[in-house]
Amino acid sequence: MADLEKIKERIQDIAQRPRNVELSEIEWVANNLANCGYAVKSKDARHGKLFQVNGQTFMVNHHTGNKQVRSYSVKDFISAMIELSLYD
Protein backbone atom coordinates (compact mmCIF):
# COMPACT_ATOMS: atom_id res chain seq x y z
CA MET A 1 0.00 0.00 0.00
CA ALA A 2 1.34 3.41 -0.98
CA ASP A 3 0.97 6.41 1.27
CA LEU A 4 -0.82 9.54 0.10
CA GLU A 5 2.43 11.37 -0.63
CA LYS A 6 3.60 8.61 -2.98
CA ILE A 7 0.21 8.67 -4.75
CA LYS A 8 0.51 12.44 -5.22
CA GLU A 9 3.99 11.96 -6.70
CA ARG A 10 2.59 9.42 -9.19
CA ILE A 11 -0.23 11.82 -10.14
CA GLN A 12 2.34 14.56 -10.73
CA ASP A 13 4.40 12.20 -12.88
CA ILE A 14 1.33 11.30 -14.97
CA ALA A 15 0.43 14.99 -15.39
CA GLN A 16 3.88 15.79 -16.76
CA ARG A 17 3.61 13.28 -19.63
CA PRO A 18 -0.05 13.13 -20.77
CA ARG A 19 0.80 11.48 -24.09
CA ASN A 20 2.63 8.51 -22.62
CA VAL A 21 0.38 7.07 -19.90
CA GLU A 22 -0.99 3.54 -19.63
CA LEU A 23 -4.31 2.51 -18.12
CA SER A 24 -2.48 0.48 -15.47
CA GLU A 25 -0.92 3.67 -14.06
CA ILE A 26 -4.30 5.31 -13.49
CA GLU A 27 -5.65 2.05 -12.08
CA TRP A 28 -2.68 2.01 -9.66
CA VAL A 29 -3.64 5.50 -8.44
CA ALA A 30 -7.31 4.54 -8.04
CA ASN A 31 -6.51 1.28 -6.22
CA ASN A 32 -4.14 2.99 -3.81
CA LEU A 33 -6.60 5.80 -3.14
CA ALA A 34 -9.13 3.12 -2.20
CA ASN A 35 -6.58 1.67 0.22
CA CYS A 36 -6.21 5.15 1.77
CA GLY A 37 -9.93 5.40 2.48
CA TYR A 38 -11.25 7.11 -0.64
CA ALA A 39 -14.51 5.80 -2.09
CA VAL A 40 -13.46 4.38 -5.46
CA LYS A 41 -15.61 2.68 -8.08
CA SER A 42 -14.66 1.59 -11.57
CA LYS A 43 -16.51 0.04 -14.45
CA ASP A 44 -15.28 -1.27 -17.79
CA ALA A 45 -16.57 0.57 -20.83
CA ARG A 46 -16.31 -0.17 -24.52
CA HIS A 47 -12.99 1.62 -25.13
CA GLY A 48 -11.89 2.45 -21.65
CA LYS A 49 -12.82 2.53 -18.03
CA LEU A 50 -15.14 4.75 -16.01
CA PHE A 51 -13.88 5.79 -12.57
CA GLN A 52 -15.50 7.52 -9.63
CA VAL A 53 -13.36 8.73 -6.73
CA ASN A 54 -15.18 10.42 -3.84
CA GLY A 55 -17.89 11.59 -6.23
CA GLN A 56 -15.52 12.82 -8.96
CA THR A 57 -16.28 10.88 -12.15
CA PHE A 58 -13.91 10.62 -15.10
CA MET A 59 -13.63 8.38 -18.14
CA VAL A 60 -10.30 6.98 -19.24
CA ASN A 61 -10.28 6.10 -22.94
CA HIS A 62 -7.38 4.10 -24.30
CA HIS A 63 -6.10 2.86 -27.63
CA THR A 64 -7.41 -0.58 -28.50
CA GLY A 65 -4.74 -3.20 -27.97
CA ASN A 66 -1.97 -1.37 -26.15
CA LYS A 67 -3.91 0.27 -23.28
CA GLN A 68 -2.17 3.63 -23.80
CA VAL A 69 -4.48 6.35 -22.51
CA ARG A 70 -5.58 9.16 -24.79
CA SER A 71 -4.20 12.55 -23.73
CA TYR A 72 -7.65 14.14 -23.28
CA SER A 73 -8.49 11.38 -20.78
CA VAL A 74 -5.33 12.16 -18.82
CA LYS A 75 -6.50 15.79 -18.65
CA ASP A 76 -9.88 14.64 -17.30
CA PHE A 77 -8.09 12.46 -14.72
CA ILE A 78 -5.90 15.39 -13.63
CA SER A 79 -8.95 17.68 -13.38
CA ALA A 80 -10.59 15.15 -11.05
CA MET A 81 -7.42 14.94 -8.95
CA ILE A 82 -7.35 18.75 -8.68
CA GLU A 83 -10.96 18.73 -7.43
CA LEU A 84 -9.93 16.16 -4.80
CA SER A 85 -6.94 18.35 -3.77
CA LEU A 86 -4.51 15.61 -4.78
CA TYR A 87 -2.79 17.71 -7.44
CA ASP A 88 -2.29 21.44 -7.84
C-alpha atoms as a PDB file:
ATOM      1  CA  MET A   1       0.000   0.000   0.000  1.00  0.00           C
ATOM      2  CA  ALA A   2       1.337   3.410  -0.980  1.00  0.00           C
ATOM      3  CA  ASP A   3       0.972   6.411   1.275  1.00  0.00           C
ATOM      4  CA  LEU A   4      -0.823   9.537   0.097  1.00  0.00           C
ATOM      5  CA  GLU A   5       2.432  11.368  -0.633  1.00  0.00           C
ATOM      6  CA  LYS A   6       3.599   8.605  -2.981  1.00  0.00           C
ATOM      7  CA  ILE A   7       0.209   8.674  -4.746  1.00  0.00           C
ATOM      8  CA  LYS A   8       0.512  12.443  -5.221  1.00  0.00           C
ATOM      9  CA  GLU A   9       3.993  11.955  -6.702  1.00  0.00           C
ATOM     10  CA  ARG A  10       2.591   9.423  -9.188  1.00  0.00           C
ATOM     11  CA  ILE A  11      -0.231  11.821 -10.138  1.00  0.00           C
ATOM     12  CA  GLN A  12       2.342  14.562 -10.734  1.00  0.00           C
ATOM     13  CA  ASP A  13       4.403  12.203 -12.884  1.00  0.00           C
ATOM     14  CA  ILE A  14       1.329  11.302 -14.971  1.00  0.00           C
ATOM     15  CA  ALA A  15       0.432  14.993 -15.385  1.00  0.00           C
ATOM     16  CA  GLN A  16       3.880  15.794 -16.760  1.00  0.00           C
ATOM     17  CA  ARG A  17       3.608  13.276 -19.630  1.00  0.00           C
ATOM     18  CA  PRO A  18      -0.050  13.132 -20.765  1.00  0.00           C
ATOM     19  CA  ARG A  19       0.803  11.476 -24.095  1.00  0.00           C
ATOM     20  CA  ASN A  20       2.630   8.505 -22.620  1.00  0.00           C
ATOM     21  CA  VAL A  21       0.379   7.071 -19.896  1.00  0.00           C
ATOM     22  CA  GLU A  22      -0.987   3.542 -19.633  1.00  0.00           C
ATOM     23  CA  LEU A  23      -4.307   2.508 -18.121  1.00  0.00           C
ATOM     24  CA  SER A  24      -2.484   0.484 -15.465  1.00  0.00           C
ATOM     25  CA  GLU A  25      -0.921   3.673 -14.058  1.00  0.00           C
ATOM     26  CA  ILE A  26      -4.299   5.312 -13.492  1.00  0.00           C
ATOM     27  CA  GLU A  27      -5.647   2.051 -12.078  1.00  0.00           C
ATOM     28  CA  TRP A  28      -2.683   2.008  -9.663  1.00  0.00           C
ATOM     29  CA  VAL A  29      -3.636   5.497  -8.435  1.00  0.00           C
ATOM     30  CA  ALA A  30      -7.310   4.536  -8.035  1.00  0.00           C
ATOM     31  CA  ASN A  31      -6.513   1.283  -6.217  1.00  0.00           C
ATOM     32  CA  ASN A  32      -4.141   2.990  -3.807  1.00  0.00           C
ATOM     33  CA  LEU A  33      -6.595   5.800  -3.137  1.00  0.00           C
ATOM     34  CA  ALA A  34      -9.132   3.119  -2.197  1.00  0.00           C
ATOM     35  CA  ASN A  35      -6.577   1.667   0.221  1.00  0.00           C
ATOM     36  CA  CYS A  36      -6.211   5.149   1.770  1.00  0.00           C
ATOM     37  CA  GLY A  37      -9.930   5.404   2.485  1.00  0.00           C
ATOM     38  CA  TYR A  38     -11.253   7.110  -0.640  1.00  0.00           C
ATOM     39  CA  ALA A  39     -14.515   5.803  -2.088  1.00  0.00           C
ATOM     40  CA  VAL A  40     -13.458   4.385  -5.460  1.00  0.00           C
ATOM     41  CA  LYS A  41     -15.608   2.680  -8.082  1.00  0.00           C
ATOM     42  CA  SER A  42     -14.659   1.590 -11.573  1.00  0.00           C
ATOM     43  CA  LYS A  43     -16.511   0.037 -14.449  1.00  0.00           C
ATOM     44  CA  ASP A  44     -15.281  -1.274 -17.791  1.00  0.00           C
ATOM     45  CA  ALA A  45     -16.573   0.569 -20.830  1.00  0.00           C
ATOM     46  CA  ARG A  46     -16.309  -0.173 -24.520  1.00  0.00           C
ATOM     47  CA  HIS A  47     -12.994   1.619 -25.135  1.00  0.00           C
ATOM     48  CA  GLY A  48     -11.890   2.450 -21.653  1.00  0.00           C
ATOM     49  CA  LYS A  49     -12.822   2.533 -18.030  1.00  0.00           C
ATOM     50  CA  LEU A  50     -15.144   4.753 -16.006  1.00  0.00           C
ATOM     51  CA  PHE A  51     -13.875   5.787 -12.571  1.00  0.00           C
ATOM     52  CA  GLN A  52     -15.500   7.522  -9.631  1.00  0.00           C
ATOM     53  CA  VAL A  53     -13.356   8.732  -6.729  1.00  0.00           C
ATOM     54  CA  ASN A  54     -15.179  10.423  -3.844  1.00  0.00           C
ATOM     55  CA  GLY A  55     -17.892  11.589  -6.226  1.00  0.00           C
ATOM     56  CA  GLN A  56     -15.523  12.818  -8.965  1.00  0.00           C
ATOM     57  CA  THR A  57     -16.275  10.878 -12.150  1.00  0.00           C
ATOM     58  CA  PHE A  58     -13.910  10.618 -15.104  1.00  0.00           C
ATOM     59  CA  MET A  59     -13.635   8.385 -18.142  1.00  0.00           C
ATOM     60  CA  VAL A  60     -10.299   6.982 -19.244  1.00  0.00           C
ATOM     61  CA  ASN A  61     -10.278   6.100 -22.935  1.00  0.00           C
ATOM     62  CA  HIS A  62      -7.380   4.100 -24.301  1.00  0.00           C
ATOM     63  CA  HIS A  63      -6.102   2.860 -27.627  1.00  0.00           C
ATOM     64  CA  THR A  64      -7.414  -0.581 -28.502  1.00  0.00           C
ATOM     65  CA  GLY A  65      -4.739  -3.199 -27.975  1.00  0.00           C
ATOM     66  CA  ASN A  66      -1.970  -1.365 -26.151  1.00  0.00           C
ATOM     67  CA  LYS A  67      -3.907   0.274 -23.275  1.00  0.00           C
ATOM     68  CA  GLN A  68      -2.174   3.628 -23.805  1.00  0.00           C
ATOM     69  CA  VAL A  69      -4.484   6.348 -22.509  1.00  0.00           C
ATOM     70  CA  ARG A  70      -5.579   9.161 -24.787  1.00  0.00           C
ATOM     71  CA  SER A  71      -4.198  12.553 -23.734  1.00  0.00           C
ATOM     72  CA  TYR A  72      -7.653  14.142 -23.277  1.00  0.00           C
ATOM     73  CA  SER A  73      -8.492  11.376 -20.784  1.00  0.00           C
ATOM     74  CA  VAL A  74      -5.333  12.163 -18.824  1.00  0.00           C
ATOM     75  CA  LYS A  75      -6.504  15.788 -18.654  1.00  0.00           C
ATOM     76  CA  ASP A  76      -9.881  14.636 -17.300  1.00  0.00           C
ATOM     77  CA  PHE A  77      -8.089  12.462 -14.725  1.00  0.00           C
ATOM     78  CA  ILE A  78      -5.898  15.387 -13.632  1.00  0.00           C
ATOM     79  CA  SER A  79      -8.953  17.676 -13.375  1.00  0.00           C
ATOM     80  CA  ALA A  80     -10.593  15.147 -11.054  1.00  0.00           C
ATOM     81  CA  MET A  81      -7.422  14.937  -8.946  1.00  0.00           C
ATOM     82  CA  ILE A  82      -7.351  18.751  -8.678  1.00  0.00           C
ATOM     83  CA  GLU A  83     -10.960  18.733  -7.430  1.00  0.00           C
ATOM     84  CA  LEU A  84      -9.926  16.162  -4.803  1.00  0.00           C
ATOM     85  CA  SER A  85      -6.945  18.345  -3.766  1.00  0.00           C
ATOM     86  CA  LEU A  86      -4.514  15.612  -4.775  1.00  0.00           C
ATOM     87  CA  TYR A  87      -2.793  17.710  -7.441  1.00  0.00           C
ATOM     88  CA  ASP A  88      -2.290  21.443  -7.841  1.00  0.00           C
END
